[in-house]
C-alpha atoms as a PDB file:
ATOM      1  CA  MET A   1      -6.343 -13.471 -15.401  1.00  0.00           C
ATOM      2  CA  MET A   2      -3.796 -10.638 -15.456  1.00  0.00           C
ATOM      3  CA  ASP A   3      -0.781 -11.049 -17.701  1.00  0.00           C
ATOM      4  CA  SER A   4       2.508 -11.094 -15.833  1.00  0.00           C
ATOM      5  CA  PRO A   5       6.070 -11.083 -17.142  1.00  0.00           C
ATOM      6  CA  TYR A   6       7.148 -13.135 -14.140  1.00  0.00           C
ATOM      7  CA  THR A   7       7.689 -16.868 -14.457  1.00  0.00           C
ATOM      8  CA  VAL A   8       8.622 -17.734 -10.851  1.00  0.00           C
ATOM      9  CA  LEU A   9       7.721 -16.226  -7.490  1.00  0.00           C
ATOM     10  CA  LEU A  10       9.734 -17.024  -4.368  1.00  0.00           C
ATOM     11  CA  LEU A  11       9.241 -15.936  -0.777  1.00  0.00           C
ATOM     12  CA  GLN A  12      12.385 -14.867   1.010  1.00  0.00           C
ATOM     13  CA  GLU A  13      13.484 -12.787   3.958  1.00  0.00           C
ATOM     14  CA  SER A  14      15.051  -9.486   2.954  1.00  0.00           C
ATOM     15  CA  PRO A  15      18.738  -9.862   3.924  1.00  0.00           C
ATOM     16  CA  SER A  16      19.857  -6.230   3.845  1.00  0.00           C
ATOM     17  CA  GLY A  17      17.063  -3.703   3.367  1.00  0.00           C
ATOM     18  CA  ARG A  18      18.707  -2.206   0.243  1.00  0.00           C
ATOM     19  CA  ALA A  19      16.180  -3.517  -2.296  1.00  0.00           C
ATOM     20  CA  ARG A  20      13.208  -1.424  -3.379  1.00  0.00           C
ATOM     21  CA  CYS A  21       9.774  -2.718  -4.283  1.00  0.00           C
ATOM     22  CA  ARG A  22       9.280  -2.795  -8.055  1.00  0.00           C
ATOM     23  CA  LYS A  23       5.649  -1.635  -7.731  1.00  0.00           C
ATOM     24  CA  CYS A  24       5.663   1.114  -5.069  1.00  0.00           C
ATOM     25  CA  ARG A  25       9.410   1.952  -5.190  1.00  0.00           C
ATOM     26  CA  LYS A  26       9.653   2.047  -1.382  1.00  0.00           C
ATOM     27  CA  PRO A  27      12.493   0.198   0.398  1.00  0.00           C
ATOM     28  CA  ILE A  28      11.860  -3.316   1.682  1.00  0.00           C
ATOM     29  CA  PRO A  29      13.173  -3.343   5.278  1.00  0.00           C
ATOM     30  CA  LYS A  30      15.690  -5.913   6.487  1.00  0.00           C
ATOM     31  CA  GLY A  31      14.092  -9.078   7.891  1.00  0.00           C
ATOM     32  CA  VAL A  32      10.701  -8.560   6.192  1.00  0.00           C
ATOM     33  CA  VAL A  33       9.292 -11.351   4.022  1.00  0.00           C
ATOM     34  CA  ARG A  34       9.360 -10.227   0.378  1.00  0.00           C
ATOM     35  CA  VAL A  35       8.499 -11.753  -2.961  1.00  0.00           C
ATOM     36  CA  ALA A  36      11.321 -12.386  -5.414  1.00  0.00           C
ATOM     37  CA  ALA A  37       9.753 -12.346  -8.887  1.00  0.00           C
ATOM     38  CA  ARG A  38      11.983 -14.037 -11.477  1.00  0.00           C
ATOM     39  CA  PHE A  39      11.717 -13.556 -15.233  1.00  0.00           C
ATOM     40  CA  PRO A  40      13.905 -14.179 -18.296  1.00  0.00           C
ATOM     41  CA  ALA A  41      16.678 -11.575 -18.430  1.00  0.00           C
ATOM     42  CA  PRO A  42      16.188  -9.199 -21.360  1.00  0.00           C
ATOM     43  CA  PHE A  43      19.946  -8.859 -21.872  1.00  0.00           C
ATOM     44  CA  GLY A  44      22.844 -11.266 -21.609  1.00  0.00           C
ATOM     45  CA  ASP A  45      22.708 -15.048 -21.782  1.00  0.00           C
ATOM     46  CA  GLU A  46      19.516 -16.766 -22.854  1.00  0.00           C
ATOM     47  CA  GLU A  47      19.005 -18.956 -19.807  1.00  0.00           C
ATOM     48  CA  GLY A  48      19.658 -16.232 -17.207  1.00  0.00           C
ATOM     49  CA  LEU A  49      16.907 -14.934 -14.955  1.00  0.00           C
ATOM     50  CA  ALA A  50      16.535 -11.421 -13.604  1.00  0.00           C
ATOM     51  CA  THR A  51      14.788 -10.667 -10.313  1.00  0.00           C
ATOM     52  CA  HIS A  52      12.396  -7.946  -9.150  1.00  0.00           C
ATOM     53  CA  TYR A  53      11.530  -7.663  -5.472  1.00  0.00           C
ATOM     54  CA  LEU A  54       8.050  -6.773  -4.208  1.00  0.00           C
ATOM     55  CA  HIS A  55       6.325  -6.243  -0.875  1.00  0.00           C
ATOM     56  CA  LEU A  56       3.738  -8.985  -0.245  1.00  0.00           C
ATOM     57  CA  ARG A  57       0.828  -6.558  -0.626  1.00  0.00           C
ATOM     58  CA  CYS A  58       2.308  -5.092  -3.821  1.00  0.00           C
ATOM     59  CA  ALA A  59       2.781  -8.590  -5.255  1.00  0.00           C
ATOM     60  CA  ALA A  60      -0.884  -9.311  -4.530  1.00  0.00           C
ATOM     61  CA  ARG A  61      -1.787  -6.340  -6.734  1.00  0.00           C
ATOM     62  CA  ARG A  62       0.813  -6.838  -9.482  1.00  0.00           C
ATOM     63  CA  THR A  63       0.850 -10.637  -9.891  1.00  0.00           C
ATOM     64  CA  PRO A  64      -2.324 -11.831  -8.159  1.00  0.00           C
ATOM     65  CA  GLY A  65      -2.635 -15.222  -9.872  1.00  0.00           C
ATOM     66  CA  LEU A  66       0.959 -16.230  -9.209  1.00  0.00           C
ATOM     67  CA  LEU A  67       0.877 -15.085  -5.585  1.00  0.00           C
ATOM     68  CA  VAL A  68      -2.350 -16.961  -4.852  1.00  0.00           C
ATOM     69  CA  GLY A  69      -0.778 -20.086  -6.371  1.00  0.00           C
ATOM     70  CA  LEU A  70       2.242 -19.625  -4.113  1.00  0.00           C
ATOM     71  CA  LEU A  71       0.020 -19.128  -1.047  1.00  0.00           C
ATOM     72  CA  ASP A  72      -2.086 -22.187  -1.954  1.00  0.00           C
ATOM     73  CA  ALA A  73       1.071 -24.327  -2.120  1.00  0.00           C
ATOM     74  CA  GLY A  74       1.672 -23.542   1.543  1.00  0.00           C
ATOM     75  CA  PRO A  75       4.379 -20.939   2.068  1.00  0.00           C
ATOM     76  CA  ALA A  76       7.349 -22.026   4.171  1.00  0.00           C
ATOM     77  CA  MET A  77       7.570 -18.550   5.709  1.00  0.00           C
ATOM     78  CA  ASP A  78       5.207 -16.538   7.866  1.00  0.00           C
ATOM     79  CA  VAL A  79       3.338 -14.180   5.518  1.00  0.00           C
ATOM     80  CA  GLY A  80       1.057 -12.704   8.142  1.00  0.00           C
ATOM     81  CA  ASP A  81      -2.581 -13.070   7.060  1.00  0.00           C
ATOM     82  CA  PRO A  82      -2.655 -15.128   3.816  1.00  0.00           C
ATOM     83  CA  ASP A  83      -6.441 -14.725   3.526  1.00  0.00           C
ATOM     84  CA  ALA A  84      -6.088 -10.929   3.414  1.00  0.00           C
ATOM     85  CA  LEU A  85      -3.491 -11.290   0.633  1.00  0.00           C
ATOM     86  CA  ARG A  86      -5.826 -13.633  -1.289  1.00  0.00           C
ATOM     87  CA  GLU A  87      -8.661 -11.094  -0.990  1.00  0.00           C
ATOM     88  CA  LEU A  88      -6.397  -8.289  -2.204  1.00  0.00           C
ATOM     89  CA  ALA A  89      -5.312 -10.451  -5.169  1.00  0.00           C
ATOM     90  CA  ARG A  90      -8.944 -11.304  -5.977  1.00  0.00           C
ATOM     91  CA  ARG A  91      -9.865  -7.605  -6.036  1.00  0.00           C
ATOM     92  CA  ALA A  92      -6.867  -6.865  -8.294  1.00  0.00           C
ATOM     93  CA  GLU A  93      -8.006  -9.605 -10.715  1.00  0.00           C
ATOM     94  CA  GLU A  94     -11.551  -8.206 -10.791  1.00  0.00           C
ATOM     95  CA  GLY A  95     -10.246  -4.690 -11.425  1.00  0.00           C
ATOM     96  CA  ALA A  96      -8.102  -5.892 -14.330  1.00  0.00           C
ATOM     97  CA  ALA A  97     -11.015  -7.809 -15.835  1.00  0.00           C
ATOM     98  CA  SER A  98     -13.272  -4.751 -15.731  1.00  0.00           C
ATOM     99  CA  ARG A  99     -10.672  -2.362 -17.204  1.00  0.00           C
ATOM    100  CA  VAL A 100     -11.451  -1.298 -20.756  1.00  0.00           C
ATOM    101  CA  GLU A 101      -8.556  -1.178 -23.193  1.00  0.00           C
ATOM    102  CA  LEU A 102      -8.765   1.871 -25.447  1.00  0.00           C
ATOM    103  CA  ARG A 103      -7.661   1.622 -29.068  1.00  0.00           C
ATOM    104  CA  TYR A 104      -5.850   4.441 -30.790  1.00  0.00           C
ATOM    105  CA  PRO A 105      -6.537   7.066 -31.998  1.00  0.00           C
ATOM    106  CA  TYR A 106      -9.282   8.411 -29.772  1.00  0.00           C
ATOM    107  CA  VAL A 107     -10.546  11.777 -28.585  1.00  0.00           C
ATOM    108  CA  GLU A 108     -11.110  12.704 -24.937  1.00  0.00           C
ATOM    109  CA  GLN A 109     -11.447  15.717 -22.684  1.00  0.00           C
ATOM    110  CA  ALA A 110      -8.082  16.676 -21.216  1.00  0.00           C
ATOM    111  CA  PRO A 111      -8.190  15.729 -17.498  1.00  0.00           C
ATOM    112  CA  ASN A 112      -5.539  18.361 -16.648  1.00  0.00           C
ATOM    113  CA  GLY A 113      -3.493  21.013 -18.406  1.00  0.00           C
ATOM    114  CA  LYS A 114      -0.150  19.173 -18.388  1.00  0.00           C
ATOM    115  CA  ALA A 115      -0.035  17.522 -21.831  1.00  0.00           C
ATOM    116  CA  LYS A 116       1.634  19.270 -24.761  1.00  0.00           C
ATOM    117  CA  CYS A 117       0.394  19.098 -28.325  1.00  0.00           C
ATOM    118  CA  TYR A 118       3.112  17.459 -30.405  1.00  0.00           C
ATOM    119  CA  ALA A 119       2.183  19.570 -33.452  1.00  0.00           C
ATOM    120  CA  CYS A 120       2.316  23.098 -32.014  1.00  0.00           C
ATOM    121  CA  GLY A 121       4.084  22.525 -28.677  1.00  0.00           C
ATOM    122  CA  ARG A 122       1.486  24.398 -26.602  1.00  0.00           C
ATOM    123  CA  LEU A 123      -0.248  22.925 -23.551  1.00  0.00           C
ATOM    124  CA  VAL A 124      -3.645  21.301 -24.049  1.00  0.00           C
ATOM    125  CA  VAL A 125      -6.037  23.230 -21.791  1.00  0.00           C
ATOM    126  CA  GLU A 126      -7.852  21.260 -19.108  1.00  0.00           C
ATOM    127  CA  GLY A 127     -11.350  20.241 -20.248  1.00  0.00           C
ATOM    128  CA  SER A 128     -10.672  20.848 -23.939  1.00  0.00           C
ATOM    129  CA  HIS A 129     -10.837  18.087 -26.540  1.00  0.00           C
ATOM    130  CA  ARG A 130      -7.576  16.373 -27.374  1.00  0.00           C
ATOM    131  CA  LEU A 131      -6.662  13.568 -29.738  1.00  0.00           C
ATOM    132  CA  VAL A 132      -4.678  10.699 -28.240  1.00  0.00           C
ATOM    133  CA  VAL A 133      -2.593   8.960 -30.885  1.00  0.00           C
ATOM    134  CA  LEU A 134       0.274   6.522 -31.137  1.00  0.00           C
ATOM    135  CA  ARG A 135       3.154   7.874 -33.153  1.00  0.00           C
ATOM    136  CA  THR A 136       6.522   6.467 -34.067  1.00  0.00           C
ATOM    137  CA  VAL A 137       9.408   8.319 -32.447  1.00  0.00           C
ATOM    138  CA  ASP A 138      12.982   7.841 -33.635  1.00  0.00           C
ATOM    139  CA  ALA A 139      15.141   7.492 -30.519  1.00  0.00           C
ATOM    140  CA  GLY A 140      18.488   7.082 -32.236  1.00  0.00           C
ATOM    141  CA  ARG A 141      19.326   3.393 -32.165  1.00  0.00           C
ATOM    142  CA  PHE A 142      15.693   2.310 -32.194  1.00  0.00           C
ATOM    143  CA  THR A 143      12.195   3.556 -32.883  1.00  0.00           C
ATOM    144  CA  ALA A 144       9.375   3.441 -30.379  1.00  0.00           C
ATOM    145  CA  ARG A 145       5.606   3.880 -30.487  1.00  0.00           C
ATOM    146  CA  ARG A 146       4.583   6.516 -27.978  1.00  0.00           C
ATOM    147  CA  LYS A 147       1.269   7.885 -26.833  1.00  0.00           C
ATOM    148  CA  SER A 148       1.064  11.528 -27.932  1.00  0.00           C
ATOM    149  CA  PHE A 149      -1.509  14.282 -27.787  1.00  0.00           C
ATOM    150  CA  LEU A 150      -2.874  16.759 -30.323  1.00  0.00           C
ATOM    151  CA  HIS A 151      -5.282  19.656 -30.018  1.00  0.00           C
ATOM    152  CA  ALA A 152      -8.406  18.805 -31.979  1.00  0.00           C
ATOM    153  CA  ALA A 153      -7.616  21.890 -34.086  1.00  0.00           C
ATOM    154  CA  CYS A 154      -4.147  20.488 -34.897  1.00  0.00           C
ATOM    155  CA  ALA A 155      -5.557  17.299 -36.443  1.00  0.00           C
ATOM    156  CA  ALA A 156      -4.134  18.319 -39.831  1.00  0.00           C
ATOM    157  CA  PHE A 157      -0.680  17.404 -38.462  1.00  0.00           C
ATOM    158  CA  TYR A 158      -1.715  13.789 -37.834  1.00  0.00           C
ATOM    159  CA  GLY A 159       0.223  11.327 -40.040  1.00  0.00           C
ATOM    160  CA  GLU A 160      -0.585  11.752 -43.741  1.00  0.00           C
ATOM    161  CA  GLU A 161      -1.078   8.019 -44.317  1.00  0.00           C
ATOM    162  CA  ASP A 162      -3.563   7.733 -41.432  1.00  0.00           C
ATOM    163  CA  ARG A 163      -5.606  10.903 -42.020  1.00  0.00           C
ATOM    164  CA  ASN A 164      -8.195   9.486 -44.417  1.00  0.00           C
ATOM    165  CA  GLY A 165      -9.967   7.398 -41.800  1.00  0.00           C
ATOM    166  CA  LEU A 166      -9.279   9.611 -38.779  1.00  0.00           C
ATOM    167  CA  PRO A 167     -12.845  10.834 -38.052  1.00  0.00           C
ATOM    168  CA  GLU A 168     -14.248   7.291 -38.339  1.00  0.00           C
ATOM    169  CA  ALA A 169     -11.474   5.864 -36.121  1.00  0.00           C
ATOM    170  CA  LEU A 170     -12.088   8.566 -33.515  1.00  0.00           C
ATOM    171  CA  ARG A 171     -15.811   7.822 -33.522  1.00  0.00           C
ATOM    172  CA  ALA A 172     -15.197   4.061 -33.109  1.00  0.00           C
ATOM    173  CA  ASN A 173     -12.484   4.278 -30.416  1.00  0.00           C
ATOM    174  CA  SER A 174     -13.406   7.281 -28.265  1.00  0.00           C
ATOM    175  CA  PRO A 175     -14.845   7.124 -24.758  1.00  0.00           C
ATOM    176  CA  LEU A 176     -16.775  10.353 -25.481  1.00  0.00           C
ATOM    177  CA  THR A 177     -20.356  10.051 -26.699  1.00  0.00           C
ATOM    178  CA  GLY A 178     -23.170  12.241 -27.921  1.00  0.00           C
ATOM    179  CA  GLU A 179     -22.772  15.993 -28.182  1.00  0.00           C
ATOM    180  CA  ALA A 180     -19.205  16.054 -26.796  1.00  0.00           C
ATOM    181  CA  LEU A 181     -18.000  13.572 -29.423  1.00  0.00           C
ATOM    182  CA  GLU A 182     -19.797  15.337 -32.272  1.00  0.00           C
ATOM    183  CA  SER A 183     -18.383  18.752 -31.360  1.00  0.00           C
ATOM    184  CA  ALA A 184     -14.843  17.307 -31.168  1.00  0.00           C
ATOM    185  CA  LEU A 185     -15.258  15.572 -34.541  1.00  0.00           C
ATOM    186  CA  GLU A 186     -16.526  18.817 -36.104  1.00  0.00           C
ATOM    187  CA  VAL A 187     -13.373  20.637 -34.951  1.00  0.00           C
ATOM    188  CA  VAL A 188     -11.237  17.778 -36.345  1.00  0.00           C
ATOM    189  CA  ARG A 189     -13.028  17.868 -39.712  1.00  0.00           C
ATOM    190  CA  CYS A 190     -12.615  21.656 -39.968  1.00  0.00           C
ATOM    191  CA  ALA A 191      -8.914  21.434 -39.072  1.00  0.00           C
ATOM    192  CA  MET A 192      -8.256  18.715 -41.636  1.00  0.00           C
ATOM    193  CA  GLY A 193     -10.032  20.485 -44.462  1.00  0.00           C
ATOM    194  CA  PRO A 194     -10.757  18.554 -47.653  1.00  0.00           C
ATOM    195  CA  ILE A 195      -8.991  15.194 -47.794  1.00  0.00           C
END
């Protein structure tokens, strides 16, 4: 079952066409049946609810369990083909169940050349090994944990308190295997020097 922040789903006709779908960001045309997804408001009074609007097909992908429950209860509005929505929701559930959650830090091959190394500021070349780490970023009024990238050769700049177990953590968490993983770990060990 996919986790969802939404507590209530409602079907309603879009009254104006100004709202955008929270999943695909496209406008929801006037008169089309949409899903109003309610959840506890993050700001303001404690009992208030905020609302996100979704196309029916987008809701089937984003909140499959809740939408199927709503369809099973017998919607009061015409939703087109409810069986097609149920099938889409079932496929979304299966996809979420088969997704593997990666733990940090890990090493991977850069899928493109867009990421910047947070240590040296240069781009990580496509196909090269990069470390993917979570680091704490001070954003003024709060701190946040953000996914960041490092060249394997810049591993010496990884947090001092976390460096001791870095090669073992990379080996345990990385999707790479065999020769690719060993060559990346060798570069990391050389960059870190004696610990």
